[in-house]
C-alpha atoms as a PDB file:
ATOM      1  CA  MET A   1       7.800  16.291  49.145  1.00  0.00           C
ATOM      2  CA  SER A   2       4.419  15.236  47.803  1.00  0.00           C
ATOM      3  CA  SER A   3       4.233  18.472  45.840  1.00  0.00           C
ATOM      4  CA  ASN A   4       7.589  17.702  44.229  1.00  0.00           C
ATOM      5  CA  ILE A   5       6.394  14.254  43.248  1.00  0.00           C
ATOM      6  CA  SER A   6       3.261  15.688  41.696  1.00  0.00           C
ATOM      7  CA  ASP A   7       5.310  18.281  39.831  1.00  0.00           C
ATOM      8  CA  HIS A   8       7.622  15.632  38.384  1.00  0.00           C
ATOM      9  CA  SER A   9       4.725  13.389  37.450  1.00  0.00           C
ATOM     10  CA  SER A  10       3.030  16.238  35.627  1.00  0.00           C
ATOM     11  CA  VAL A  11       6.209  16.978  33.684  1.00  0.00           C
ATOM     12  CA  ASN A  12       6.908  13.360  32.732  1.00  0.00           C
ATOM     13  CA  LEU A  13       3.343  12.486  31.798  1.00  0.00           C
ATOM     14  CA  PRO A  14       3.452  11.257  28.168  1.00  0.00           C
ATOM     15  CA  THR A  15       1.329  13.401  25.931  1.00  0.00           C
ATOM     16  CA  VAL A  16       0.592  13.547  22.236  1.00  0.00           C
ATOM     17  CA  SER A  17      -0.796  16.542  20.394  1.00  0.00           C
ATOM     18  CA  LEU A  18      -3.735  16.312  18.064  1.00  0.00           C
ATOM     19  CA  CYS A  19      -2.345  17.040  14.617  1.00  0.00           C
ATOM     20  CA  GLU A  20      -3.616  20.327  13.223  1.00  0.00           C
ATOM     21  CA  PRO A  21      -2.422  20.458   9.595  1.00  0.00           C
ATOM     22  CA  SER A  22      -0.542  23.533   8.441  1.00  0.00           C
ATOM     23  CA  PRO A  23      -1.682  25.438   5.331  1.00  0.00           C
ATOM     24  CA  PRO A  24       0.630  23.508   2.970  1.00  0.00           C
ATOM     25  CA  CYS A  25      -0.602  20.216   4.380  1.00  0.00           C
ATOM     26  CA  ARG A  26      -4.220  21.350   4.089  1.00  0.00           C
ATOM     27  CA  GLN A  27      -3.647  22.110   0.414  1.00  0.00           C
ATOM     28  CA  TRP A  28      -2.127  18.691  -0.141  1.00  0.00           C
ATOM     29  CA  LEU A  29      -5.087  17.073   1.644  1.00  0.00           C
ATOM     30  CA  LEU A  30      -7.433  18.955  -0.683  1.00  0.00           C
ATOM     31  CA  ILE A  31      -5.400  17.785  -3.673  1.00  0.00           C
ATOM     32  CA  GLY A  32      -5.587  14.261  -2.284  1.00  0.00           C
ATOM     33  CA  MET A  33      -9.381  14.467  -2.038  1.00  0.00           C
ATOM     34  CA  ILE A  34      -9.561  15.625  -5.658  1.00  0.00           C
ATOM     35  CA  MET A  35      -7.317  12.729  -6.694  1.00  0.00           C
ATOM     36  CA  LEU A  36      -9.560  10.357  -4.746  1.00  0.00           C
ATOM     37  CA  GLY A  37     -12.500  11.542  -6.855  1.00  0.00           C
ATOM     38  CA  ALA A  38     -10.523  11.054 -10.067  1.00  0.00           C
ATOM     39  CA  ASP A  39      -9.378   7.611  -8.929  1.00  0.00           C
ATOM     40  CA  LEU A  40     -12.964   6.641  -8.092  1.00  0.00           C
ATOM     41  CA  VAL A  41     -14.257   7.692 -11.518  1.00  0.00           C
ATOM     42  CA  LEU A  42     -11.437   5.922 -13.351  1.00  0.00           C
ATOM     43  CA  GLY A  43     -11.845   2.817 -11.173  1.00  0.00           C
ATOM     44  CA  VAL A  44     -15.573   2.535 -11.882  1.00  0.00           C
ATOM     45  CA  LEU A  45     -14.974   3.115 -15.597  1.00  0.00           C
ATOM     46  CA  ALA A  46     -12.224   0.474 -15.665  1.00  0.00           C
ATOM     47  CA  THR A  47     -14.521  -2.058 -13.981  1.00  0.00           C
ATOM     48  CA  VAL A  48     -17.336  -1.418 -16.479  1.00  0.00           C
ATOM     49  CA  LEU A  49     -14.939  -1.773 -19.401  1.00  0.00           C
ATOM     50  CA  GLU A  50     -13.399  -4.891 -17.867  1.00  0.00           C
ATOM     51  CA  PHE A  51     -16.757  -6.676 -17.821  1.00  0.00           C
ATOM     52  CA  ARG A  52     -17.581  -5.421 -21.311  1.00  0.00           C
ATOM     53  CA  HIS A  53     -14.280  -6.741 -22.729  1.00  0.00           C
ATOM     54  CA  TRP A  54     -14.068  -9.785 -20.467  1.00  0.00           C
ATOM     55  CA  GLY A  55     -11.904 -12.549 -21.897  1.00  0.00           C
ATOM     56  CA  GLU A  56     -10.073 -10.369 -24.407  1.00  0.00           C
ATOM     57  CA  GLU A  57      -6.296 -10.458 -24.273  1.00  0.00           C
ATOM     58  CA  GLY A  58      -3.741  -7.740 -24.852  1.00  0.00           C
ATOM     59  CA  VAL A  59      -4.098  -4.036 -24.167  1.00  0.00           C
ATOM     60  CA  THR A  60      -7.843  -3.605 -23.694  1.00  0.00           C
ATOM     61  CA  PRO A  61      -9.598  -0.304 -22.854  1.00  0.00           C
ATOM     62  CA  ASP A  62      -9.876  -1.214 -19.164  1.00  0.00           C
ATOM     63  CA  VAL A  63      -6.102  -1.746 -19.037  1.00  0.00           C
ATOM     64  CA  LEU A  64      -5.529   1.699 -20.540  1.00  0.00           C
ATOM     65  CA  ILE A  65      -7.872   3.260 -17.972  1.00  0.00           C
ATOM     66  CA  SER A  66      -6.053   1.440 -15.180  1.00  0.00           C
ATOM     67  CA  TYR A  67      -2.740   2.879 -16.355  1.00  0.00           C
ATOM     68  CA  ALA A  68      -4.327   6.322 -16.586  1.00  0.00           C
ATOM     69  CA  ALA A  69      -5.278   5.975 -12.906  1.00  0.00           C
ATOM     70  CA  ILE A  70      -1.620   5.637 -11.937  1.00  0.00           C
ATOM     71  CA  MET A  71      -1.047   9.397 -11.884  1.00  0.00           C
ATOM     72  CA  PRO A  72      -3.874  10.345  -9.450  1.00  0.00           C
ATOM     73  CA  GLN A  73      -2.884   7.427  -7.240  1.00  0.00           C
ATOM     74  CA  ILE A  74       0.717   8.652  -7.099  1.00  0.00           C
ATOM     75  CA  VAL A  75      -0.423  12.187  -6.218  1.00  0.00           C
ATOM     76  CA  LEU A  76      -2.706  10.713  -3.536  1.00  0.00           C
ATOM     77  CA  ILE A  77       0.238   8.835  -2.047  1.00  0.00           C
ATOM     78  CA  MET A  78       2.233  12.079  -2.078  1.00  0.00           C
ATOM     79  CA  SER A  79      -0.566  13.666  -0.030  1.00  0.00           C
ATOM     80  CA  TYR A  80      -0.183  10.875   2.512  1.00  0.00           C
ATOM     81  CA  LEU A  81       3.583  11.446   2.606  1.00  0.00           C
ATOM     82  CA  VAL A  82       3.034  15.127   3.384  1.00  0.00           C
ATOM     83  CA  LEU A  83       0.514  14.226   6.098  1.00  0.00           C
ATOM     84  CA  ALA A  84       2.943  11.737   7.644  1.00  0.00           C
ATOM     85  CA  ARG A  85       5.655  14.383   7.722  1.00  0.00           C
ATOM     86  CA  GLU A  86       3.261  16.912   9.245  1.00  0.00           C
ATOM     87  CA  ALA A  87       2.261  14.467  11.992  1.00  0.00           C
ATOM     88  CA  ASP A  88       5.885  13.373  12.497  1.00  0.00           C
ATOM     89  CA  ALA A  89       4.745   9.782  11.874  1.00  0.00           C
ATOM     90  CA  ARG A  90       7.741   7.909  10.539  1.00  0.00           C
ATOM     91  CA  GLY A  91       5.927   4.589  10.429  1.00  0.00           C
ATOM     92  CA  LEU A  92       3.155   6.048   8.297  1.00  0.00           C
ATOM     93  CA  TRP A  93       5.666   7.741   5.985  1.00  0.00           C
ATOM     94  CA  LYS A  94       7.687   4.566   5.530  1.00  0.00           C
ATOM     95  CA  SER A  95       4.691   2.320   4.915  1.00  0.00           C
ATOM     96  CA  VAL A  96       3.264   4.756   2.337  1.00  0.00           C
ATOM     97  CA  ALA A  97       6.622   5.086   0.562  1.00  0.00           C
ATOM     98  CA  GLY A  98       6.971   1.305   0.538  1.00  0.00           C
ATOM     99  CA  MET A  99       3.520   0.882  -0.985  1.00  0.00           C
ATOM    100  CA  LEU A 100       4.408   3.465  -3.631  1.00  0.00           C
ATOM    101  CA  GLY A 101       7.568   1.556  -4.582  1.00  0.00           C
ATOM    102  CA  SER A 102       5.729  -1.770  -4.689  1.00  0.00           C
ATOM    103  CA  TYR A 103       2.929  -0.268  -6.773  1.00  0.00           C
ATOM    104  CA  LEU A 104       5.287   1.240  -9.350  1.00  0.00           C
ATOM    105  CA  LEU A 105       7.231  -2.019  -9.667  1.00  0.00           C
ATOM    106  CA  MET A 106       3.972  -3.941 -10.097  1.00  0.00           C
ATOM    107  CA  CYS A 107       2.855  -1.590 -12.880  1.00  0.00           C
ATOM    108  CA  LEU A 108       6.213  -1.942 -14.611  1.00  0.00           C
ATOM    109  CA  LEU A 109       6.206  -5.716 -14.318  1.00  0.00           C
ATOM    110  CA  SER A 110       2.699  -5.976 -15.743  1.00  0.00           C
ATOM    111  CA  LEU A 111       4.105  -4.968 -19.146  1.00  0.00           C
ATOM    112  CA  VAL A 112       5.900  -8.320 -19.277  1.00  0.00           C
ATOM    113  CA  PHE A 113       2.681 -10.281 -18.723  1.00  0.00           C
ATOM    114  CA  MET A 114       0.821  -8.269 -21.373  1.00  0.00           C
ATOM    115  CA  GLU A 115       3.516  -9.199 -23.948  1.00  0.00           C
ATOM    116  CA  VAL A 116       3.528  -5.768 -25.576  1.00  0.00           C
ATOM    117  CA  LEU A 117       7.322  -5.418 -25.663  1.00  0.00           C
ATOM    118  CA  PRO A 118      10.044  -7.361 -27.511  1.00  0.00           C
ATOM    119  CA  ASP A 119      12.113  -9.931 -25.641  1.00  0.00           C
ATOM    120  CA  ALA A 120      14.899  -7.419 -25.025  1.00  0.00           C
ATOM    121  CA  GLY A 121      12.396  -5.041 -23.415  1.00  0.00           C
ATOM    122  CA  ASN A 122      10.977  -7.793 -21.196  1.00  0.00           C
ATOM    123  CA  THR A 123      14.490  -8.746 -20.102  1.00  0.00           C
ATOM    124  CA  ALA A 124      15.312  -5.119 -19.270  1.00  0.00           C
ATOM    125  CA  ILE A 125      12.131  -4.788 -17.222  1.00  0.00           C
ATOM    126  CA  THR A 126      12.870  -8.045 -15.385  1.00  0.00           C
ATOM    127  CA  ILE A 127      16.376  -6.841 -14.454  1.00  0.00           C
ATOM    128  CA  THR A 128      15.082  -3.395 -13.432  1.00  0.00           C
ATOM    129  CA  THR A 129      12.383  -4.973 -11.279  1.00  0.00           C
ATOM    130  CA  ALA A 130      14.942  -7.233  -9.583  1.00  0.00           C
ATOM    131  CA  LEU A 131      17.001  -4.160  -8.678  1.00  0.00           C
ATOM    132  CA  GLY A 132      13.814  -2.499  -7.423  1.00  0.00           C
ATOM    133  CA  ILE A 133      13.082  -5.474  -5.167  1.00  0.00           C
ATOM    134  CA  LEU A 134      16.567  -5.178  -3.675  1.00  0.00           C
ATOM    135  CA  ALA A 135      15.935  -1.464  -3.142  1.00  0.00           C
ATOM    136  CA  LEU A 136      12.667  -2.265  -1.353  1.00  0.00           C
ATOM    137  CA  LEU A 137      14.519  -4.708   0.874  1.00  0.00           C
ATOM    138  CA  GLY A 138      17.102  -2.078   1.761  1.00  0.00           C
ATOM    139  CA  PHE A 139      14.384   0.482   2.377  1.00  0.00           C
ATOM    140  CA  SER A 140      12.437  -1.877   4.648  1.00  0.00           C
ATOM    141  CA  ILE A 141      15.415  -2.376   6.987  1.00  0.00           C
ATOM    142  CA  SER A 142      16.581   1.245   6.943  1.00  0.00           C
ATOM    143  CA  ARG A 143      15.729   3.904   9.504  1.00  0.00           C
ATOM    144  CA  ILE A 144      14.594   7.432   8.809  1.00  0.00           C
ATOM    145  CA  PRO A 145      15.220  10.399  11.121  1.00  0.00           C
ATOM    146  CA  ARG A 146      12.454  12.138  12.979  1.00  0.00           C
ATOM    147  CA  PHE A 147      11.004  15.127  11.174  1.00  0.00           C
ATOM    148  CA  GLY A 148       8.671  17.909  12.287  1.00  0.00           C
ATOM    149  CA  ASN A 149       5.757  19.592  10.527  1.00  0.00           C
ATOM    150  CA  LEU A 150       6.099  21.521   7.286  1.00  0.00           C
ATOM    151  CA  THR A 151       6.641  24.880   8.959  1.00  0.00           C
ATOM    152  CA  GLY A 152       9.199  23.664  11.475  1.00  0.00           C
ATOM    153  CA  ALA A 153       6.948  24.745  14.358  1.00  0.00           C
ATOM    154  CA  ASP A 154       6.467  22.429  17.302  1.00  0.00           C
ATOM    155  CA  GLN A 155       2.908  21.650  18.227  1.00  0.00           C
ATOM    156  CA  SER A 156       2.260  21.775  21.954  1.00  0.00           C
ATOM    157  CA  PRO A 157       0.735  18.750  23.709  1.00  0.00           C
ATOM    158  CA  GLN A 158      -2.995  18.994  24.052  1.00  0.00           C
ATOM    159  CA  MET A 159      -4.221  15.624  25.272  1.00  0.00           C
ATOM    160  CA  PRO A 160      -2.922  12.548  27.096  1.00  0.00           C
ATOM    161  CA  ALA A 161      -1.500   9.832  24.920  1.00  0.00           C
ATOM    162  CA  THR A 162      -3.805   6.872  24.493  1.00  0.00           C
ATOM    163  CA  GLU A 163      -1.182   4.746  22.753  1.00  0.00           C
ATOM    164  CA  PRO A 164       2.635   4.485  22.809  1.00  0.00           C
ATOM    165  CA  LYS A 165       4.612   6.687  20.487  1.00  0.00           C
ATOM    166  CA  GLU A 166       6.739   5.249  17.771  1.00  0.00           C
ATOM    167  CA  SER A 167       9.998   4.071  19.287  1.00  0.00           C
ATOM    168  CA  PRO A 168      13.296   2.912  17.806  1.00  0.00           C
ATOM    169  CA  SER A 169      12.145  -0.662  18.392  1.00  0.00           C
ATOM    170  CA  ASP A 170       9.566  -0.159  15.646  1.00  0.00           C
ATOM    171  CA  GLY A 171      12.461  -0.324  13.178  1.00  0.00           C
ATOM    172  CA  ASN A 172      12.861  -3.993  14.102  1.00  0.00           C
ATOM    173  CA  ILE A 173       9.850  -4.665  11.888  1.00  0.00           C
ATOM    174  CA  GLY A 174      12.040  -3.892   8.902  1.00  0.00           C
ATOM    175  CA  TRP A 175      14.737  -6.308  10.054  1.00  0.00           C
ATOM    176  CA  LEU A 176      12.163  -9.046  10.621  1.00  0.00           C
ATOM    177  CA  GLY A 177      10.768  -8.419   7.155  1.00  0.00           C
ATOM    178  CA  GLY A 178      14.243  -8.641   5.643  1.00  0.00           C
ATOM    179  CA  ILE A 179      14.975 -11.920   7.429  1.00  0.00           C
ATOM    180  CA  ALA A 180      11.602 -13.321   6.347  1.00  0.00           C
ATOM    181  CA  LEU A 181      12.275 -12.321   2.742  1.00  0.00           C
ATOM    182  CA  PHE A 182      15.721 -13.968   2.859  1.00  0.00           C
ATOM    183  CA  ILE A 183      14.173 -17.182   4.175  1.00  0.00           C
ATOM    184  CA  ALA A 184      11.523 -16.985   1.448  1.00  0.00           C
ATOM    185  CA  PHE A 185      14.310 -16.558  -1.119  1.00  0.00           C
ATOM    186  CA  LEU A 186      16.014 -19.722   0.137  1.00  0.00           C
ATOM    187  CA  VAL A 187      12.725 -21.613   0.012  1.00  0.00           C
ATOM    188  CA  LEU A 188      12.014 -20.407  -3.531  1.00  0.00           C
ATOM    189  CA  LYS A 189      15.534 -21.338  -4.540  1.00  0.00           C
ATOM    190  CA  GLY A 190      15.057 -24.847  -3.191  1.00  0.00           C
ATOM    191  CA  LEU A 191      11.658 -25.165  -4.832  1.00  0.00           C
ATOM    192  CA  GLY A 192      13.156 -23.901  -8.074  1.00  0.00           C
ATOM    193  CA  ARG A 193      15.766 -26.624  -8.094  1.00  0.00           C
ATOM    194  CA  ARG A 194      13.227 -29.288  -7.161  1.00  0.00           C
ATOM    195  CA  PHE A 195      10.142 -28.258  -9.146  1.00  0.00           C
ATOM    196  CA  ILE A 196      10.521 -25.161 -11.323  1.00  0.00           C
ATOM    197  CA  ARG A 197      13.669 -26.105 -13.247  1.00  0.00           C
ATOM    198  CA  PRO A 198      12.340 -29.533 -14.364  1.00  0.00           C
ATOM    199  CA  ILE A 199       9.118 -27.854 -15.548  1.00  0.00           C
ATOM    200  CA  PHE A 200      10.814 -25.157 -17.604  1.00  0.00           C
ATOM    201  CA  GLY A 201      13.597 -27.378 -18.867  1.00  0.00           C
ATOM    202  CA  ALA A 202      16.906 -25.679 -19.676  1.00  0.00           C
ATOM    203  CA  GLY A 203      16.195 -22.531 -17.713  1.00  0.00           C
ATOM    204  CA  LEU A 204      13.765 -19.841 -16.749  1.00  0.00           C
ATOM    205  CA  GLU A 205      12.465 -17.415 -19.349  1.00  0.00           C
ATOM    206  CA  ALA A 206      11.719 -13.747 -18.722  1.00  0.00           C
ATOM    207  CA  ASP A 207       8.029 -14.508 -18.044  1.00  0.00           C
ATOM    208  CA  ASP A 208       8.983 -17.121 -15.449  1.00  0.00           C
ATOM    209  CA  TRP A 209      11.324 -14.748 -13.635  1.00  0.00           C
ATOM    210  CA  ALA A 210       8.602 -12.114 -13.830  1.00  0.00           C
ATOM    211  CA  LEU A 211       6.221 -14.478 -12.023  1.00  0.00           C
ATOM    212  CA  ILE A 212       8.730 -15.013  -9.211  1.00  0.00           C
ATOM    213  CA  GLU A 213       9.312 -11.263  -8.983  1.00  0.00           C
ATOM    214  CA  PHE A 214       5.549 -10.686  -8.944  1.00  0.00           C
ATOM    215  CA  ILE A 215       5.258 -12.917  -5.873  1.00  0.00           C
ATOM    216  CA  ALA A 216       8.074 -11.032  -4.131  1.00  0.00           C
ATOM    217  CA  ILE A 217       6.594  -7.602  -4.937  1.00  0.00           C
ATOM    218  CA  PHE A 218       3.148  -8.764  -3.839  1.00  0.00           C
ATOM    219  CA  ALA A 219       4.607  -9.913  -0.499  1.00  0.00           C
ATOM    220  CA  PHE A 220       6.283  -6.528  -0.041  1.00  0.00           C
ATOM    221  CA  GLY A 221       3.165  -4.598  -1.005  1.00  0.00           C
ATOM    222  CA  LEU A 222       0.959  -6.648   1.298  1.00  0.00           C
ATOM    223  CA  SER A 223       3.372  -6.170   4.211  1.00  0.00           C
ATOM    224  CA  PHE A 224       3.503  -2.410   3.682  1.00  0.00           C
ATOM    225  CA  ALA A 225      -0.307  -2.254   3.320  1.00  0.00           C
ATOM    226  CA  ILE A 226      -0.817  -4.050   6.640  1.00  0.00           C
ATOM    227  CA  TRP A 227       1.750  -1.773   8.268  1.00  0.00           C
ATOM    228  CA  PHE A 228      -0.009   1.231   6.722  1.00  0.00           C
ATOM    229  CA  ALA A 229      -3.370   0.246   8.234  1.00  0.00           C
ATOM    230  CA  ILE A 230      -1.982  -0.622  11.672  1.00  0.00           C
ATOM    231  CA  THR A 231      -0.007   2.627  11.828  1.00  0.00           C
ATOM    232  CA  LYS A 232      -3.151   4.679  11.254  1.00  0.00           C
ATOM    233  CA  ILE A 233      -4.867   2.812  14.069  1.00  0.00           C
ATOM    234  CA  ARG A 234      -1.951   3.588  16.392  1.00  0.00           C
ATOM    235  CA  LEU A 235      -1.970   7.241  15.339  1.00  0.00           C
ATOM    236  CA  ARG A 236      -5.564   7.789  16.464  1.00  0.00           C
ATOM    237  CA  GLY A 237      -4.234  10.143  19.167  1.00  0.00           C
ATOM    238  CA  LYS A 238      -2.710  12.428  16.522  1.00  0.00           C
ATOM    239  CA  LEU A 239      -5.024  11.937  13.549  1.00  0.00           C
ATOM    240  CA  GLY A 240      -8.275  11.340  15.413  1.00  0.00           C
ATOM    241  CA  THR A 241     -10.839   8.565  15.640  1.00  0.00           C
ATOM    242  CA  VAL A 242     -11.479   8.668  11.887  1.00  0.00           C
ATOM    243  CA  SER A 243      -7.901   7.498  11.354  1.00  0.00           C
ATOM    244  CA  CYS A 244      -8.574   4.457  13.531  1.00  0.00           C
ATOM    245  CA  VAL A 245     -11.783   3.694  11.629  1.00  0.00           C
ATOM    246  CA  THR A 246      -9.931   4.049   8.328  1.00  0.00           C
ATOM    247  CA  GLY A 247      -7.204   1.646   9.427  1.00  0.00           C
ATOM    248  CA  ILE A 248      -9.722  -0.935  10.634  1.00  0.00           C
ATOM    249  CA  THR A 249     -11.635  -0.620   7.356  1.00  0.00           C
ATOM    250  CA  GLU A 250      -8.454  -1.197   5.364  1.00  0.00           C
ATOM    251  CA  ILE A 251      -7.665  -4.329   7.375  1.00  0.00           C
ATOM    252  CA  LEU A 252     -11.192  -5.620   6.727  1.00  0.00           C
ATOM    253  CA  ILE A 253     -10.734  -4.913   3.000  1.00  0.00           C
ATOM    254  CA  LEU A 254      -7.502  -6.925   3.011  1.00  0.00           C
ATOM    255  CA  LEU A 255      -9.295  -9.777   4.785  1.00  0.00           C
ATOM    256  CA  VAL A 256     -12.089  -9.714   2.201  1.00  0.00           C
ATOM    257  CA  HIS A 257      -9.554  -9.964  -0.622  1.00  0.00           C
ATOM    258  CA  ALA A 258      -7.733 -12.775   1.192  1.00  0.00           C
ATOM    259  CA  GLY A 259     -11.003 -14.649   1.651  1.00  0.00           C
ATOM    260  CA  MET A 260     -11.888 -14.247  -2.018  1.00  0.00           C
ATOM    261  CA  ALA A 261      -8.458 -15.484  -3.063  1.00  0.00           C
ATOM    262  CA  ALA A 262      -8.823 -18.487  -0.738  1.00  0.00           C
ATOM    263  CA  VAL A 263     -12.187 -19.333  -2.284  1.00  0.00           C
ATOM    264  CA  ILE A 264     -10.777 -19.165  -5.822  1.00  0.00           C
ATOM    265  CA  LEU A 265      -7.767 -21.282  -4.829  1.00  0.00           C
ATOM    266  CA  THR A 266     -10.067 -23.840  -3.211  1.00  0.00           C
ATOM    267  CA  VAL A 267     -12.122 -24.048  -6.418  1.00  0.00           C
ATOM    268  CA  ILE A 268      -8.958 -24.645  -8.448  1.00  0.00           C
ATOM    269  CA  VAL A 269      -7.694 -27.412  -6.161  1.00  0.00           C
ATOM    270  CA  THR A 270     -11.108 -29.078  -5.871  1.00  0.00           C
ATOM    271  CA  GLU A 271     -11.812 -29.096  -9.599  1.00  0.00           C
ATOM    272  CA  ALA A 272      -8.300 -30.227 -10.471  1.00  0.00           C
ATOM    273  CA  ALA A 273      -8.583 -33.122  -8.027  1.00  0.00           C
ATOM    274  CA  ALA A 274     -12.046 -34.109  -9.253  1.00  0.00           C
ATOM    275  CA  ALA A 275     -11.142 -33.991 -12.954  1.00  0.00           C
ATOM    276  CA  PRO A 276      -7.391 -34.476 -13.528  1.00  0.00           C
ATOM    277  CA  GLN A 277      -7.957 -34.467 -17.298  1.00  0.00           C
ATOM    278  CA  LEU A 278      -9.032 -30.820 -17.292  1.00  0.00           C
ATOM    279  CA  ASP A 279      -6.889 -28.631 -19.514  1.00  0.00           C
ATOM    280  CA  ASP A 280      -6.227 -24.923 -19.143  1.00  0.00           C
ATOM    281  CA  ALA A 281      -9.337 -24.043 -21.149  1.00  0.00           C
ATOM    282  CA  GLY A 282     -11.532 -26.138 -18.866  1.00  0.00           C
ATOM    283  CA  ILE A 283     -10.058 -24.600 -15.741  1.00  0.00           C
ATOM    284  CA  ASP A 284     -10.544 -21.100 -17.178  1.00  0.00           C
ATOM    285  CA  GLN A 285     -14.187 -21.904 -17.895  1.00  0.00           C
ATOM    286  CA  ILE A 286     -14.721 -23.000 -14.285  1.00  0.00           C
ATOM    287  CA  LEU A 287     -12.888 -20.023 -12.832  1.00  0.00           C
ATOM    288  CA  ASP A 288     -14.458 -17.419 -15.098  1.00  0.00           C
ATOM    289  CA  PRO A 289     -17.573 -16.711 -12.952  1.00  0.00           C
ATOM    290  CA  TRP A 290     -15.471 -16.668  -9.778  1.00  0.00           C
ATOM    291  CA  MET A 291     -13.010 -14.213 -11.300  1.00  0.00           C
ATOM    292  CA  LYS A 292     -15.919 -11.947 -12.241  1.00  0.00           C
ATOM    293  CA  ARG A 293     -17.215 -12.063  -8.692  1.00  0.00           C
ATOM    294  CA  GLY A 294     -13.716 -11.278  -7.434  1.00  0.00           C
ATOM    295  CA  SER A 295     -13.445  -8.253  -9.722  1.00  0.00           C
ATOM    296  CA  LEU A 296     -16.827  -6.984  -8.531  1.00  0.00           C
ATOM    297  CA  VAL A 297     -15.915  -7.440  -4.865  1.00  0.00           C
ATOM    298  CA  SER A 298     -12.607  -5.652  -5.449  1.00  0.00           C
ATOM    299  CA  ALA A 299     -14.409  -2.733  -7.119  1.00  0.00           C
ATOM    300  CA  VAL A 300     -16.825  -2.400  -4.174  1.00  0.00           C
ATOM    301  CA  CYS A 301     -13.930  -2.486  -1.705  1.00  0.00           C
ATOM    302  CA  HIS A 302     -12.182   0.217  -3.709  1.00  0.00           C
ATOM    303  CA  VAL A 303     -15.242   2.466  -3.473  1.00  0.00           C
ATOM    304  CA  VAL A 304     -15.413   1.912   0.297  1.00  0.00           C
ATOM    305  CA  TRP A 305     -11.709   2.728   0.660  1.00  0.00           C
ATOM    306  CA  VAL A 306     -12.067   5.943  -1.341  1.00  0.00           C
ATOM    307  CA  ILE A 307     -14.976   7.054   0.858  1.00  0.00           C
ATOM    308  CA  VAL A 308     -13.252   6.417   4.208  1.00  0.00           C
ATOM    309  CA  THR A 309     -10.010   8.027   2.994  1.00  0.00           C
ATOM    310  CA  ALA A 310     -11.896  11.096   1.774  1.00  0.00           C
ATOM    311  CA  VAL A 311     -13.625  11.351   5.160  1.00  0.00           C
ATOM    312  CA  LEU A 312     -10.231  11.126   6.889  1.00  0.00           C
ATOM    313  CA  PHE A 313      -8.740  13.900   4.753  1.00  0.00           C
ATOM    314  CA  ALA A 314     -11.843  16.074   5.223  1.00  0.00           C
ATOM    315  CA  SER A 315     -11.764  15.611   8.997  1.00  0.00           C
ATOM    316  CA  LEU A 316      -8.103  16.643   9.117  1.00  0.00           C
ATOM    317  CA  ARG A 317      -8.702  19.705   6.949  1.00  0.00           C
ATOM    318  CA  SER A 318     -11.614  20.807   9.137  1.00  0.00           C
ATOM    319  CA  ARG A 319      -9.474  21.176  12.229  1.00  0.00           C
ATOM    320  CA  SER A 320      -8.889  24.734  13.392  1.00  0.00           C
ATOM    321  CA  GLY A 321      -6.387  26.274  15.738  1.00  0.00           C
ATOM    322  CA  TYR A 322      -3.411  26.676  13.454  1.00  0.00           C
ATOM    323  CA  ASP A 323      -2.093  30.241  13.661  1.00  0.00           C
ATOM    324  CA  ALA A 324      -0.918  31.133  10.165  1.00  0.00           C
ATOM    325  CA  ALA A 325       0.406  34.507  11.346  1.00  0.00           C
ATOM    326  CA  GLU A 326       2.770  32.935  13.857  1.00  0.00           C
ATOM    327  CA  ASN A 327       3.668  30.005  11.597  1.00  0.00           C
ATOM    328  CA  PRO A 328       4.092  31.313   8.035  1.00  0.00           C
ATOM    329  CA  ALA A 329       4.134  28.557   5.445  1.00  0.00           C
ATOM    330  CA  ASN A 330       5.091  28.212   1.827  1.00  0.00           C
ATOM    331  CA  LEU A 331       4.397  25.371  -0.534  1.00  0.00           C
ATOM    332  CA  SER A 332       8.004  25.491  -1.633  1.00  0.00           C
ATOM    333  CA  GLU A 333       8.961  24.073   1.774  1.00  0.00           C
ATOM    334  CA  ILE A 334       7.339  20.731   0.969  1.00  0.00           C
END
C-alpha cells in the first residue's frame, strides 16, 4: 500500500520544464538582441539631441530619432511574443501584447500634442485612439488558449516546480482591471462635469480629449508593464534565474520613475502654493532643471533595462539539449 502511495505521489508531483528554445525561437532571440543594440544606440542619440535642443518646440531631431526607434522596439516585442509562445506562458504573451498596443497608441496620440496635423487629422487620431482604448479594455478581460512551443513538441519535465503554474484564475486580473477602468471612467466623468467643463467652457477640444486619453493609455501601459515584470519573476522555473532578476530590475526601474514623478509633482505643488502669482513661464523655469534630471534618470534606466534584457536573451539562447533532428523547425511556423 505504501508503494502505491509513493507511486501516485510521484505521478502527481507538479513539475515544470526548463524552457529550451527551439531553433526558430533562438533566431528570434538573436534578432531581439540585435534590436536591443539598435534601440540602445538610438536611445542614447535621442537623449543627446534632446539636451542639445532643450526647450525647442515642434518636431525636433530627438523626436525624429525617437520615432525611428519605434521599429526596433516593435521587433523586440515580437521576439518576446515568440518566447512567450515557446514557453507556453500566456501571462507573458498577454502582458507583452498589451504593452505593444499601449505603446502604439501612445505614439499615435503624441502627434496631437506636437500639433503637426490639421484639426481634422487631430480629430481622426483622437477617435482612433478612443477605439484603441476600448480594444485594450476588451483584450485585458479576454482569455487566450494555451499554446505549445513553435515546433509543437512537448518538453518533458526536468525539475520540480518552485512556483505555481498559470491557472484560469489568473484571468481574473483582466476583469479586475476592466472594473477599475470603468470606475476610473465614472470618476473622470464626474470630475469633468465639476471641474473640466467649466475650465474649457463650451466643450472639450481635441487636445483636451487627447489628454484624457493619454491618462487612460498610460494607466493601461503601466498595468501591463507591472504584469510583464511580475510574470517574468513567476516564470523563473521555466526561463531561469536571469528572468527573475530581469523582472525585479524592471520593477525597480518603474519605482525609480514613480519616485522621480512624485518629486516633480511635489515641486509643482510647493512652488504653486508659495507663489500663487506664478504664470506658466515661471513654473516652466522652475521645473526645467528637474525635467532635465528626469530625462537623464530615464536614459540611465533605459540602458540598464537593455543590458538585463540582453543578458536574459543570451542566457536563453545558450541553453542546449534541443534535438533539432527529432523536432524539425521552420521559421514559417512562427
